[in-house]
N, C-alpha and C. Protein backbone atom coordinates (compact mmCIF):
# COMPACT_ATOMS: atom_id res chain seq x y z
N MET A 1 -16.06 -14.32 142.43
CA MET A 1 -16.10 -14.06 140.96
C MET A 1 -15.54 -15.41 140.05
N CYS A 2 -15.71 -16.54 140.22
CA CYS A 2 -15.52 -17.75 139.69
C CYS A 2 -16.55 -18.45 139.38
N ASN A 3 -17.83 -17.74 139.64
CA ASN A 3 -19.58 -18.33 139.22
C ASN A 3 -19.74 -18.53 138.38
N GLU A 4 -19.07 -17.97 137.02
CA GLU A 4 -19.26 -17.75 136.01
C GLU A 4 -18.16 -19.05 135.09
N GLY A 5 -17.49 -20.08 135.93
CA GLY A 5 -16.98 -21.11 134.81
C GLY A 5 -15.58 -21.27 134.87
N ALA A 6 -14.66 -19.92 135.50
CA ALA A 6 -13.33 -19.79 135.40
C ALA A 6 -12.88 -20.89 136.85
N LYS A 7 -11.27 -21.58 136.19
CA LYS A 7 -10.85 -22.37 137.25
C LYS A 7 -10.76 -21.79 138.23
N GLN A 8 -11.13 -21.97 139.52
CA GLN A 8 -10.39 -21.20 141.11
C GLN A 8 -9.42 -22.17 141.00
N ILE A 9 -7.78 -21.46 141.23
CA ILE A 9 -6.66 -22.09 141.93
C ILE A 9 -6.28 -21.42 142.98
N ARG A 10 -6.24 -21.51 144.39
CA ARG A 10 -6.12 -21.62 145.56
C ARG A 10 -4.41 -21.46 145.07
N ALA A 11 -3.30 -20.55 145.71
CA ALA A 11 -2.54 -19.98 146.12
C ALA A 11 -2.00 -19.42 147.82
N ASP A 12 -2.99 -19.56 148.73
CA ASP A 12 -2.95 -18.95 149.87
C ASP A 12 -1.13 -18.79 150.48
N GLY A 13 -1.17 -17.32 151.01
CA GLY A 13 0.20 -17.69 151.66
C GLY A 13 1.38 -16.82 150.26
N HIS A 14 1.06 -16.96 148.99
CA HIS A 14 2.29 -16.96 148.29
C HIS A 14 2.05 -15.36 147.82
N SER A 15 2.65 -14.60 147.42
CA SER A 15 2.70 -13.24 146.66
C SER A 15 1.99 -13.32 145.16
N ILE A 16 2.11 -12.36 144.96
CA ILE A 16 1.84 -12.05 143.22
C ILE A 16 2.42 -12.22 142.68
N PRO A 17 3.93 -11.53 143.17
CA PRO A 17 5.02 -11.76 142.45
C PRO A 17 5.80 -12.98 142.30
N ALA A 18 5.67 -13.94 143.07
CA ALA A 18 6.47 -15.17 143.51
C ALA A 18 5.79 -15.65 141.90
N LEU A 19 4.19 -15.76 142.17
CA LEU A 19 3.45 -16.51 141.36
C LEU A 19 3.30 -15.97 139.93
N LEU A 20 3.61 -14.80 139.67
CA LEU A 20 3.90 -14.72 138.39
C LEU A 20 5.26 -15.06 137.86
N GLU A 21 6.18 -14.90 138.68
CA GLU A 21 7.31 -15.35 137.77
C GLU A 21 7.47 -16.61 137.51
N ALA A 22 6.62 -17.47 138.60
CA ALA A 22 6.58 -18.80 137.97
C ALA A 22 5.45 -19.21 136.98
N ILE A 23 4.83 -18.27 136.89
CA ILE A 23 3.56 -18.71 135.75
C ILE A 23 4.19 -18.69 134.50
N LEU A 24 5.11 -17.12 134.18
CA LEU A 24 5.67 -17.00 133.25
C LEU A 24 6.73 -17.89 133.12
N THR A 25 7.52 -19.22 133.74
CA THR A 25 8.02 -19.97 133.00
C THR A 25 6.84 -20.81 132.30
N LEU A 26 6.13 -21.08 132.43
CA LEU A 26 5.37 -21.79 132.33
C LEU A 26 4.17 -21.13 130.68
N MET A 27 3.89 -20.36 131.05
CA MET A 27 3.40 -19.34 129.70
C MET A 27 3.56 -18.29 129.23
N PRO A 28 3.68 -18.34 127.92
CA PRO A 28 4.04 -17.56 127.29
C PRO A 28 2.89 -16.12 127.02
N LEU A 29 3.38 -14.55 127.37
CA LEU A 29 2.06 -13.85 126.81
C LEU A 29 1.78 -13.58 125.41
N ASP A 30 1.09 -12.99 125.32
CA ASP A 30 0.69 -13.19 124.00
C ASP A 30 1.25 -11.62 122.97
N THR A 31 1.61 -11.99 122.02
CA THR A 31 2.61 -11.14 121.13
C THR A 31 1.60 -10.13 120.19
N TYR A 32 0.29 -10.64 120.11
CA TYR A 32 -0.01 -10.00 118.94
C TYR A 32 -1.33 -8.73 119.54
N CYS A 33 -1.01 -8.46 120.86
CA CYS A 33 -1.90 -7.68 121.31
C CYS A 33 -0.96 -6.51 122.23
N TRP A 34 -0.81 -5.28 122.36
CA TRP A 34 0.20 -4.12 122.61
C TRP A 34 -0.17 -4.54 124.24
N SER A 35 -0.83 -4.84 124.71
CA SER A 35 -0.39 -5.02 125.91
C SER A 35 -1.19 -6.62 126.80
N PRO A 36 -0.43 -7.59 126.86
CA PRO A 36 -0.76 -9.14 127.49
C PRO A 36 -1.39 -9.26 129.01
N ALA A 37 -1.27 -7.60 129.71
CA ALA A 37 -1.35 -7.81 130.89
C ALA A 37 -1.79 -6.55 131.42
N SER A 38 -3.03 -6.76 132.18
CA SER A 38 -3.70 -5.46 132.70
C SER A 38 -3.80 -5.62 134.00
N VAL A 39 -3.85 -4.54 134.65
CA VAL A 39 -4.46 -4.04 135.87
C VAL A 39 -5.46 -2.89 136.24
N MET A 40 -6.23 -2.90 137.30
CA MET A 40 -7.48 -2.43 137.68
C MET A 40 -6.65 -0.83 137.89
N ASP A 41 -7.23 0.18 137.52
CA ASP A 41 -6.44 1.44 137.40
C ASP A 41 -7.08 1.93 138.91
N ILE A 42 -6.03 2.67 139.81
CA ILE A 42 -6.54 3.44 140.53
C ILE A 42 -7.74 4.68 140.72
N THR A 43 -8.69 4.13 141.54
CA THR A 43 -10.31 4.99 141.67
C THR A 43 -9.58 6.44 141.99
N ASP A 44 -10.77 7.37 141.48
CA ASP A 44 -10.31 8.52 141.80
C ASP A 44 -10.37 8.84 142.92
N THR A 45 -11.40 8.57 143.74
CA THR A 45 -11.06 8.53 145.29
C THR A 45 -10.24 8.07 145.78
N ASP A 46 -9.33 7.00 145.35
CA ASP A 46 -7.71 6.87 146.47
C ASP A 46 -6.83 7.82 145.49
N ARG A 47 -7.14 8.25 144.15
CA ARG A 47 -5.99 9.24 143.56
C ARG A 47 -5.97 10.82 144.43
N CYS A 48 -7.25 10.91 144.63
CA CYS A 48 -8.03 12.30 145.90
C CYS A 48 -6.73 12.09 147.31
N LYS A 49 -7.25 10.76 147.45
CA LYS A 49 -6.31 10.86 149.00
C LYS A 49 -5.04 10.88 148.73
N GLY A 50 -4.50 10.89 147.38
CA GLY A 50 -2.74 10.58 147.35
C GLY A 50 -1.93 9.56 147.29
N LEU A 51 -2.69 8.07 146.55
CA LEU A 51 -2.43 7.10 146.76
C LEU A 51 -1.42 7.04 145.36
N PRO A 52 -0.20 6.48 145.44
CA PRO A 52 0.52 6.77 144.69
C PRO A 52 0.41 5.28 143.43
N GLU A 53 0.87 5.15 142.79
CA GLU A 53 0.89 4.19 142.07
C GLU A 53 1.47 2.95 142.90
N PRO A 54 0.50 2.03 142.48
CA PRO A 54 0.87 0.42 143.60
C PRO A 54 2.31 -0.26 143.15
N PRO A 55 3.34 -0.19 144.09
CA PRO A 55 4.27 -0.78 144.18
C PRO A 55 4.81 -1.67 143.60
N LEU A 56 3.58 -2.50 143.58
CA LEU A 56 4.03 -3.88 142.69
C LEU A 56 3.91 -3.77 141.15
N TRP A 57 3.66 -2.68 140.91
CA TRP A 57 3.63 -2.74 139.30
C TRP A 57 4.90 -2.60 138.65
N PRO A 58 5.55 -1.96 139.02
CA PRO A 58 7.02 -2.02 138.44
C PRO A 58 7.86 -3.44 138.61
N GLU A 59 7.30 -4.11 139.54
CA GLU A 59 7.68 -5.44 140.04
C GLU A 59 7.22 -6.16 138.81
N TYR A 60 5.82 -6.12 138.48
CA TYR A 60 5.57 -6.79 137.27
C TYR A 60 5.69 -6.62 136.36
N LYS A 61 6.47 -5.64 135.90
CA LYS A 61 7.05 -5.02 134.87
C LYS A 61 8.17 -5.70 134.27
N ARG A 62 9.11 -5.74 135.26
CA ARG A 62 10.18 -6.17 135.63
C ARG A 62 10.20 -7.47 135.18
N LEU A 63 9.55 -8.40 136.07
CA LEU A 63 9.33 -9.47 135.96
C LEU A 63 9.19 -10.35 134.41
N MET A 64 8.33 -9.60 133.92
CA MET A 64 7.93 -9.74 132.82
C MET A 64 9.01 -9.55 131.65
N LYS A 65 9.24 -8.61 131.62
CA LYS A 65 10.64 -8.06 131.19
C LYS A 65 11.50 -9.32 130.96
N GLU A 66 11.73 -9.85 132.20
CA GLU A 66 12.86 -10.51 132.16
C GLU A 66 12.19 -12.06 131.49
N ALA A 67 10.85 -12.49 131.61
CA ALA A 67 10.66 -13.53 130.97
C ALA A 67 10.07 -13.72 129.59
N GLU A 68 9.91 -12.56 129.20
CA GLU A 68 9.97 -12.16 127.61
C GLU A 68 10.50 -11.57 126.81
N LYS A 69 11.85 -11.39 127.59
CA LYS A 69 12.61 -10.73 126.74
C LYS A 69 12.05 -8.91 125.90
N ARG A 70 10.88 -9.08 126.49
CA ARG A 70 10.32 -7.72 125.88
C ARG A 70 10.26 -6.32 126.88
N ASP A 71 9.82 -5.42 126.62
CA ASP A 71 8.54 -4.49 127.56
C ASP A 71 7.54 -5.02 127.27
N ILE A 72 7.17 -5.13 128.27
CA ILE A 72 5.69 -5.35 128.34
C ILE A 72 4.57 -4.15 129.13
N PRO A 73 4.21 -3.08 128.61
CA PRO A 73 3.33 -2.10 129.37
C PRO A 73 1.76 -2.74 129.85
N LEU A 74 1.94 -1.92 131.24
CA LEU A 74 0.58 -2.57 131.70
C LEU A 74 -0.39 -2.08 131.39
N GLN A 75 -1.69 -2.81 130.92
CA GLN A 75 -2.86 -1.76 130.58
C GLN A 75 -3.74 -1.48 131.84
N THR A 76 -3.97 -0.33 132.07
CA THR A 76 -4.81 -0.13 133.29
C THR A 76 -6.39 0.13 132.86
N MET A 77 -7.24 -0.63 133.45
CA MET A 77 -8.79 -0.71 133.15
C MET A 77 -9.38 -0.34 134.33
N GLU A 78 -10.40 0.60 133.86
CA GLU A 78 -11.36 1.10 135.13
C GLU A 78 -12.42 0.04 136.26
N ARG A 79 -12.38 -0.06 137.08
CA ARG A 79 -12.14 -1.30 138.13
C ARG A 79 -13.56 -2.24 138.12
N PHE A 80 -14.42 -1.64 137.12
CA PHE A 80 -15.40 -2.00 136.75
C PHE A 80 -15.19 -2.60 135.40
N ASP A 81 -14.62 -2.62 134.45
CA ASP A 81 -14.37 -3.00 133.26
C ASP A 81 -13.40 -4.32 133.64
N PHE A 82 -12.69 -4.11 134.54
CA PHE A 82 -11.23 -4.61 135.13
C PHE A 82 -12.13 -6.20 135.77
N TYR A 83 -13.40 -5.70 136.77
CA TYR A 83 -14.17 -6.89 137.34
C TYR A 83 -14.59 -7.78 136.05
N GLY A 84 -15.15 -7.28 135.01
CA GLY A 84 -16.36 -7.50 133.75
C GLY A 84 -15.13 -8.71 133.09
N ARG A 85 -13.88 -8.18 132.67
CA ARG A 85 -12.92 -9.25 132.45
C ARG A 85 -12.25 -10.23 132.62
N ALA A 86 -12.27 -10.08 134.16
CA ALA A 86 -12.01 -10.99 135.47
C ALA A 86 -13.12 -11.82 135.13
N ARG A 87 -14.25 -11.92 135.19
CA ARG A 87 -15.66 -12.71 135.04
C ARG A 87 -15.17 -13.85 133.61
N LYS A 88 -14.79 -13.39 132.92
CA LYS A 88 -14.68 -14.53 131.89
C LYS A 88 -13.27 -15.44 131.43
N ALA A 89 -11.94 -14.79 132.40
CA ALA A 89 -10.76 -15.18 132.36
C ALA A 89 -11.50 -16.99 132.49
N PHE A 90 -9.96 -17.71 131.81
CA PHE A 90 -10.13 -18.80 132.07
C PHE A 90 -10.06 -19.52 133.32
N ALA A 91 -9.38 -19.11 133.80
CA ALA A 91 -8.84 -19.37 135.25
C ALA A 91 -8.37 -18.20 136.59
N ILE A 92 -9.19 -18.04 138.06
CA ILE A 92 -8.63 -16.62 138.43
C ILE A 92 -7.71 -17.82 139.54
N VAL A 93 -6.66 -16.78 140.14
CA VAL A 93 -5.52 -17.80 140.98
C VAL A 93 -5.68 -16.46 142.15
N GLN A 94 -5.87 -17.38 143.15
CA GLN A 94 -6.21 -16.33 144.67
C GLN A 94 -5.26 -16.74 145.37
N THR A 95 -4.70 -15.40 145.94
CA THR A 95 -3.31 -15.52 146.43
C THR A 95 -3.50 -14.61 147.60
N GLY A 96 -2.52 -15.05 148.31
CA GLY A 96 -2.34 -14.35 150.02
C GLY A 96 -1.93 -12.69 149.97
N GLU A 97 -2.25 -11.94 148.20
CA GLU A 97 -1.25 -11.18 148.79
C GLU A 97 -2.48 -9.63 149.03
N THR A 98 -1.26 -8.45 149.73
CA THR A 98 -2.56 -7.99 150.75
C THR A 98 -2.44 -6.51 150.02
N ALA A 99 -1.51 -6.14 149.16
CA ALA A 99 -1.01 -5.09 148.63
C ALA A 99 -2.24 -4.69 147.70
N LEU A 100 -2.58 -3.42 148.04
CA LEU A 100 -3.90 -2.74 147.14
C LEU A 100 -3.55 -2.77 145.53
N TYR A 101 -4.32 -2.79 144.62
CA TYR A 101 -4.22 -2.87 143.37
C TYR A 101 -3.38 -4.39 142.99
N GLY A 102 -2.99 -5.17 143.65
CA GLY A 102 -2.02 -6.03 143.08
C GLY A 102 -2.77 -7.17 141.99
N ASN A 103 -4.08 -7.08 141.46
CA ASN A 103 -4.72 -8.08 140.48
C ASN A 103 -4.13 -7.78 139.40
N ILE A 104 -3.74 -8.79 138.82
CA ILE A 104 -3.19 -8.74 137.61
C ILE A 104 -4.10 -9.72 136.43
N ILE A 105 -4.33 -9.57 135.08
CA ILE A 105 -4.95 -10.42 134.07
C ILE A 105 -3.63 -10.53 132.85
N LEU A 106 -3.71 -11.68 132.84
CA LEU A 106 -2.47 -12.08 131.65
C LEU A 106 -3.32 -12.60 130.89
N LYS A 107 -3.04 -12.26 129.49
CA LYS A 107 -3.45 -12.48 128.19
C LYS A 107 -2.17 -13.98 127.90
N MET A 108 -2.83 -15.17 127.83
CA MET A 108 -1.73 -16.00 127.26
C MET A 108 -1.63 -15.97 125.86
N GLY A 109 -0.21 -16.27 125.22
CA GLY A 109 0.21 -16.57 123.83
C GLY A 109 0.13 -17.59 123.56
N VAL A 110 0.82 -18.10 122.41
CA VAL A 110 1.09 -19.44 121.48
C VAL A 110 2.29 -19.75 122.14
N ILE A 111 2.20 -21.13 122.96
CA ILE A 111 3.38 -21.47 123.14
C ILE A 111 4.03 -22.53 122.28
N ALA A 112 5.35 -22.01 121.44
CA ALA A 112 5.91 -22.31 120.38
C ALA A 112 6.47 -23.76 120.47
N GLU A 113 6.56 -24.72 119.75
CA GLU A 113 7.12 -26.08 119.55
C GLU A 113 8.85 -25.69 120.09
N PRO A 114 9.31 -26.61 120.75
CA PRO A 114 10.68 -26.19 120.76
C PRO A 114 11.40 -26.52 119.63
N THR A 115 12.45 -25.56 118.92
CA THR A 115 13.31 -26.15 118.28
C THR A 115 14.17 -26.70 117.79
N THR A 116 14.33 -27.30 117.03
CA THR A 116 15.14 -28.61 116.97
C THR A 116 15.93 -28.50 116.01
N VAL A 117 17.21 -28.82 115.94
CA VAL A 117 18.16 -28.76 115.05
C VAL A 117 18.33 -30.22 114.20
N GLN A 118 18.12 -30.38 112.89
CA GLN A 118 18.43 -31.43 111.91
C GLN A 118 19.60 -31.80 111.99
N THR A 119 20.21 -32.49 111.82
CA THR A 119 21.37 -32.91 111.13
C THR A 119 21.52 -33.90 110.59
N VAL A 120 21.86 -33.77 109.07
CA VAL A 120 21.77 -34.60 107.98
C VAL A 120 23.09 -35.46 108.04
N PRO A 121 22.77 -36.41 108.45
CA PRO A 121 24.15 -37.66 108.13
C PRO A 121 24.76 -37.54 106.51
N PRO A 122 26.49 -37.53 106.86
CA PRO A 122 26.93 -37.00 105.85
C PRO A 122 26.80 -37.77 104.45
N GLN A 123 26.44 -39.03 104.62
CA GLN A 123 26.11 -39.88 103.35
C GLN A 123 25.19 -39.49 102.69
N ALA A 124 24.30 -38.82 103.42
CA ALA A 124 22.74 -38.54 102.93
C ALA A 124 22.93 -37.22 102.48
N ALA A 125 24.16 -36.75 102.82
CA ALA A 125 24.53 -35.23 102.34
C ALA A 125 24.73 -35.30 100.73
N THR A 126 25.97 -36.12 100.30
CA THR A 126 26.48 -36.20 99.04
C THR A 126 25.33 -36.63 97.86
N THR A 127 25.54 -36.27 96.86
CA THR A 127 25.07 -36.52 95.93
C THR A 127 25.38 -38.18 95.05
N GLU A 128 24.88 -38.67 94.68
CA GLU A 128 25.40 -40.00 93.20
C GLU A 128 25.53 -38.90 92.10
N LYS A 129 26.68 -39.47 91.48
CA LYS A 129 26.82 -39.38 90.07
C LYS A 129 26.26 -40.06 89.08
N SER A 130 25.28 -40.00 88.34
CA SER A 130 24.91 -40.78 87.48
C SER A 130 25.72 -41.41 86.33
């Protein structure tokens, strides 16, 4: 997947939920699109076999809601569309996750400046009489 310029980050032995929780403390998700998180949709073959919704998906939604303080829907993408989008990623994190359909693509938002409270010294707040 990384042959087209994406940075590859190895995180062997770590689960996706643990890494997602950590990433979301540093990286805000995009607020200008309806879903800044995409997962690969279950293939028709796996659906016909009776494969249920992957158990990681509700965990992803919970972690994103906690971090973003808003509901984040997961966009499902057809398998090859997902691969195509992954090829255009800035970075790919390779984990030790073994769950089926655990891959997730995140769209980064703007990192806001920390809000600062300006205090005006009392003498600067008064006006002089002419």
